[in-house]
Every structure is written in C-alpha cells, then in structure tokens.
Amino acid sequence: MGQRVKALAETEPALQPFADRVQALAQKFQERELITLFASYIESTDQ
C-alpha cells in the first residue's frame, strides 16, 4: 500500500501530505503489531 500511495503522490503533488500521513500511520501500525507479537511471545515463555 505504501508504494501505491507514494506513486500517487508523485503523479499528483497535492496529495503528498495525504501520502505522508498514510505512511506515518502504517509505520505506527507496524510498530504496534511488533510490540504485540513480542509481548505475546514473552507471555507464552513465562508460563
């Protein structure tokens, strides 16, 4: 999805702020998912 948003912003510069926001949200989502994954792993090894 990030590649598509970036390509769209390159063809239409007015969409660059939107593309930046989507990319930032995607990064936060990935970070949150990784934290959740590691937390689940730690909990499973503690039992």
Protein backbone atom coordinates (compact mmCIF):
# COMPACT_ATOMS: atom_id res chain seq x y z
CA MET A 1 0.00 0.00 0.00
CA GLY A 2 2.82 2.38 0.79
CA GLN A 3 4.21 2.07 -2.73
CA ARG A 4 0.83 2.88 -4.27
CA VAL A 5 0.34 5.95 -2.09
CA LYS A 6 3.85 7.15 -2.88
CA ALA A 7 3.30 6.65 -6.62
CA LEU A 8 0.01 8.52 -6.45
CA ALA A 9 1.66 11.42 -4.63
CA GLU A 10 4.38 11.55 -7.28
CA THR A 11 1.78 11.92 -10.03
CA GLU A 12 -0.30 14.41 -8.04
CA PRO A 13 1.88 16.59 -5.75
CA ALA A 14 -1.18 17.99 -3.96
CA LEU A 15 -1.65 14.53 -2.42
CA GLN A 16 1.81 14.50 -0.80
CA PRO A 17 0.52 15.49 2.68
CA PHE A 18 -2.01 12.64 2.48
CA ALA A 19 0.70 10.20 1.39
CA ASP A 20 2.94 11.29 4.26
CA ARG A 21 0.12 10.77 6.75
CA VAL A 22 -0.75 7.31 5.40
CA GLN A 23 2.91 6.30 5.58
CA ALA A 24 3.20 7.53 9.19
CA LEU A 25 0.05 5.65 10.19
CA ALA A 26 1.30 2.47 8.51
CA GLN A 27 4.60 2.74 10.38
CA LYS A 28 2.83 3.18 13.73
CA PHE A 29 0.60 0.19 12.98
CA GLN A 30 3.63 -1.99 12.17
CA GLU A 31 5.39 -0.92 15.36
CA ARG A 32 2.29 -1.66 17.46
CA GLU A 33 1.88 -5.08 15.83
CA LEU A 34 5.53 -5.94 16.54
CA ILE A 35 5.17 -4.90 20.18
CA THR A 36 2.03 -7.04 20.49
CA LEU A 37 3.81 -10.00 18.90
CA PHE A 38 6.79 -9.74 21.24
CA ALA A 39 4.55 -9.29 24.28
CA SER A 40 2.60 -12.42 23.35
CA TYR A 41 5.83 -14.35 22.89
CA ILE A 42 7.18 -13.21 26.27
CA GLU A 43 3.92 -14.13 27.99
CA SER A 44 3.93 -17.59 26.41
CA THR A 45 7.51 -18.27 27.53
CA ASP A 46 6.79 -17.12 31.09
CA GLN A 47 4.13 -19.79 31.60
